Amino acid sequence: MTNPISAIAAIGQLGEAAPAAAASSAAVPSTSGADFAKVLGNGIDAVQSSQSNADQLAVQAATGQLTDPATYTIAATQAQLMTQLMTTIESKSVDAFNQIMGMQA
């Protein structure tokens, strides 16, 4: 008997893309960094939740309470991938910030 693999939870929701014609004709609204900060905050919360879930499943596997060890393997891999993605996003954000600051000098 096999259990289907559950989908990996999204780190954050992205807004819908506007059609190219509408985007070019409409004025670009000025936005603050609050939206970006909110998305990053949601992403960090999702990574933390994933890590917590993997930790709980690891304890259950170690104590013999977990009936399906594949559940832990999937959760640990998901947490690892989400952590790697978040680290990459953080690194790219810092690089972009430094590049922007270098343009101002």
C-alpha atoms as a PDB file:
ATOM      1  CA  MET A   1       0.000   0.000   0.000  1.00  0.00           C
ATOM      2  CA  THR A   2       1.409   3.356  -0.985  1.00  0.00           C
ATOM      3  CA  ASN A   3       0.457   6.860   0.006  1.00  0.00           C
ATOM      4  CA  PRO A   4       0.523   9.638  -2.572  1.00  0.00           C
ATOM      5  CA  ILE A   5       3.139  12.344  -2.078  1.00  0.00           C
ATOM      6  CA  SER A   6       1.588  15.566  -0.862  1.00  0.00           C
ATOM      7  CA  ALA A   7       2.265  18.822  -2.670  1.00  0.00           C
ATOM      8  CA  ILE A   8       4.937  21.160  -1.354  1.00  0.00           C
ATOM      9  CA  ALA A   9       3.393  24.207   0.263  1.00  0.00           C
ATOM     10  CA  ALA A  10       3.962  27.500  -1.497  1.00  0.00           C
ATOM     11  CA  ILE A  11       6.288  29.983   0.154  1.00  0.00           C
ATOM     12  CA  GLY A  12       4.123  32.934  -0.721  1.00  0.00           C
ATOM     13  CA  GLN A  13       1.382  33.894  -3.083  1.00  0.00           C
ATOM     14  CA  LEU A  14       2.216  36.021  -6.054  1.00  0.00           C
ATOM     15  CA  GLY A  15      -0.139  38.557  -7.525  1.00  0.00           C
ATOM     16  CA  GLU A  16      -1.710  37.927 -10.881  1.00  0.00           C
ATOM     17  CA  ALA A  17       0.281  39.102 -13.857  1.00  0.00           C
ATOM     18  CA  ALA A  18      -1.270  41.920 -15.826  1.00  0.00           C
ATOM     19  CA  PRO A  19      -1.569  41.588 -19.599  1.00  0.00           C
ATOM     20  CA  ALA A  20       1.282  43.282 -21.455  1.00  0.00           C
ATOM     21  CA  ALA A  21      -0.989  45.809 -23.209  1.00  0.00           C
ATOM     22  CA  ALA A  22      -2.643  46.867 -19.977  1.00  0.00           C
ATOM     23  CA  ALA A  23       0.660  47.100 -18.146  1.00  0.00           C
ATOM     24  CA  SER A  24       2.245  49.375 -20.715  1.00  0.00           C
ATOM     25  CA  SER A  25      -0.740  51.736 -20.959  1.00  0.00           C
ATOM     26  CA  ALA A  26      -1.417  52.047 -17.238  1.00  0.00           C
ATOM     27  CA  ALA A  27       0.633  54.243 -14.964  1.00  0.00           C
ATOM     28  CA  VAL A  28       2.933  52.344 -12.632  1.00  0.00           C
ATOM     29  CA  PRO A  29       1.725  52.876  -9.072  1.00  0.00           C
ATOM     30  CA  SER A  30       4.339  53.754  -6.503  1.00  0.00           C
ATOM     31  CA  THR A  31       4.652  51.083  -3.854  1.00  0.00           C
ATOM     32  CA  SER A  32       6.655  50.881  -0.731  1.00  0.00           C
ATOM     33  CA  GLY A  33       8.849  48.054   0.408  1.00  0.00           C
ATOM     34  CA  ALA A  34       6.047  46.912   2.707  1.00  0.00           C
ATOM     35  CA  ASP A  35       4.712  44.458   0.117  1.00  0.00           C
ATOM     36  CA  PHE A  36       8.151  42.923  -0.369  1.00  0.00           C
ATOM     37  CA  ALA A  37       8.677  42.758   3.385  1.00  0.00           C
ATOM     38  CA  LYS A  38       5.286  41.093   3.819  1.00  0.00           C
ATOM     39  CA  VAL A  39       6.103  38.439   1.214  1.00  0.00           C
ATOM     40  CA  LEU A  40       9.476  37.775   2.828  1.00  0.00           C
ATOM     41  CA  GLY A  41       7.852  37.566   6.250  1.00  0.00           C
ATOM     42  CA  ASN A  42       5.307  35.059   4.988  1.00  0.00           C
ATOM     43  CA  GLY A  43       8.111  33.062   3.402  1.00  0.00           C
ATOM     44  CA  ILE A  44      10.088  32.966   6.625  1.00  0.00           C
ATOM     45  CA  ASP A  45       6.969  31.857   8.512  1.00  0.00           C
ATOM     46  CA  ALA A  46       6.420  29.055   5.975  1.00  0.00           C
ATOM     47  CA  VAL A  47      10.035  27.893   6.311  1.00  0.00           C
ATOM     48  CA  GLN A  48       9.771  27.930  10.093  1.00  0.00           C
ATOM     49  CA  SER A  49       6.516  25.960   9.964  1.00  0.00           C
ATOM     50  CA  SER A  50       8.068  23.418   7.616  1.00  0.00           C
ATOM     51  CA  GLN A  51      11.113  23.024   9.869  1.00  0.00           C
ATOM     52  CA  SER A  52       8.857  22.594  12.908  1.00  0.00           C
ATOM     53  CA  ASN A  53       6.814  19.930  11.122  1.00  0.00           C
ATOM     54  CA  ALA A  54       9.963  18.041  10.123  1.00  0.00           C
ATOM     55  CA  ASP A  55      11.265  18.253  13.700  1.00  0.00           C
ATOM     56  CA  GLN A  56       8.012  16.847  15.099  1.00  0.00           C
ATOM     57  CA  LEU A  57       8.052  13.998  12.607  1.00  0.00           C
ATOM     58  CA  ALA A  58      11.713  13.282  13.461  1.00  0.00           C
ATOM     59  CA  VAL A  59      10.795  12.911  17.132  1.00  0.00           C
ATOM     60  CA  GLN A  60       7.904  10.620  16.214  1.00  0.00           C
ATOM     61  CA  ALA A  61      10.199   8.521  14.010  1.00  0.00           C
ATOM     62  CA  ALA A  62      12.811   8.268  16.780  1.00  0.00           C
ATOM     63  CA  THR A  63      10.242   7.173  19.370  1.00  0.00           C
ATOM     64  CA  GLY A  64       8.571   4.675  17.053  1.00  0.00           C
ATOM     65  CA  GLN A  65       5.261   6.521  16.877  1.00  0.00           C
ATOM     66  CA  LEU A  66       5.556   7.301  13.164  1.00  0.00           C
ATOM     67  CA  THR A  67       3.995   4.549  11.064  1.00  0.00           C
ATOM     68  CA  ASP A  68       5.222   5.804   7.691  1.00  0.00           C
ATOM     69  CA  PRO A  69       8.891   6.857   7.675  1.00  0.00           C
ATOM     70  CA  ALA A  70       8.475   8.272   4.161  1.00  0.00           C
ATOM     71  CA  THR A  71       6.384  11.042   5.692  1.00  0.00           C
ATOM     72  CA  TYR A  72       9.392  12.214   7.677  1.00  0.00           C
ATOM     73  CA  THR A  73      11.703  11.906   4.673  1.00  0.00           C
ATOM     74  CA  ILE A  74       9.383  14.037   2.558  1.00  0.00           C
ATOM     75  CA  ALA A  75       8.930  16.648   5.298  1.00  0.00           C
ATOM     76  CA  ALA A  76      12.687  16.861   5.934  1.00  0.00           C
ATOM     77  CA  THR A  77      13.431  17.238   2.232  1.00  0.00           C
ATOM     78  CA  GLN A  78      10.718  19.864   1.880  1.00  0.00           C
ATOM     79  CA  ALA A  79      12.129  21.807   4.836  1.00  0.00           C
ATOM     80  CA  GLN A  80      15.645  21.569   3.410  1.00  0.00           C
ATOM     81  CA  LEU A  81      14.563  22.819  -0.020  1.00  0.00           C
ATOM     82  CA  MET A  82      12.528  25.666   1.455  1.00  0.00           C
ATOM     83  CA  THR A  83      15.498  26.696   3.595  1.00  0.00           C
ATOM     84  CA  GLN A  84      17.804  26.653   0.579  1.00  0.00           C
ATOM     85  CA  LEU A  85      15.322  28.718  -1.440  1.00  0.00           C
ATOM     86  CA  MET A  86      14.931  31.263   1.346  1.00  0.00           C
ATOM     87  CA  THR A  87      18.695  31.531   1.742  1.00  0.00           C
ATOM     88  CA  THR A  88      19.076  32.113  -1.997  1.00  0.00           C
ATOM     89  CA  ILE A  89      16.377  34.789  -1.961  1.00  0.00           C
ATOM     90  CA  GLU A  90      18.087  36.487   0.979  1.00  0.00           C
ATOM     91  CA  SER A  91      21.448  36.410  -0.770  1.00  0.00           C
ATOM     92  CA  LYS A  92      20.034  37.802  -4.016  1.00  0.00           C
ATOM     93  CA  SER A  93      18.175  40.524  -2.109  1.00  0.00           C
ATOM     94  CA  VAL A  94      21.356  41.636  -0.348  1.00  0.00           C
ATOM     95  CA  ASP A  95      23.244  41.604  -3.658  1.00  0.00           C
ATOM     96  CA  ALA A  96      20.544  43.729  -5.299  1.00  0.00           C
ATOM     97  CA  PHE A  97      20.537  46.160  -2.381  1.00  0.00           C
ATOM     98  CA  ASN A  98      24.318  46.500  -2.536  1.00  0.00           C
ATOM     99  CA  GLN A  99      24.175  47.071  -6.289  1.00  0.00           C
ATOM    100  CA  ILE A 100      21.550  49.790  -5.877  1.00  0.00           C
ATOM    101  CA  MET A 101      23.575  51.446  -3.127  1.00  0.00           C
ATOM    102  CA  GLY A 102      26.654  51.315  -5.373  1.00  0.00           C
ATOM    103  CA  MET A 103      24.754  53.191  -8.092  1.00  0.00           C
ATOM    104  CA  GLN A 104      24.011  56.036  -5.691  1.00  0.00           C
ATOM    105  CA  ALA A 105      27.656  56.577  -4.737  1.00  0.00           C
END
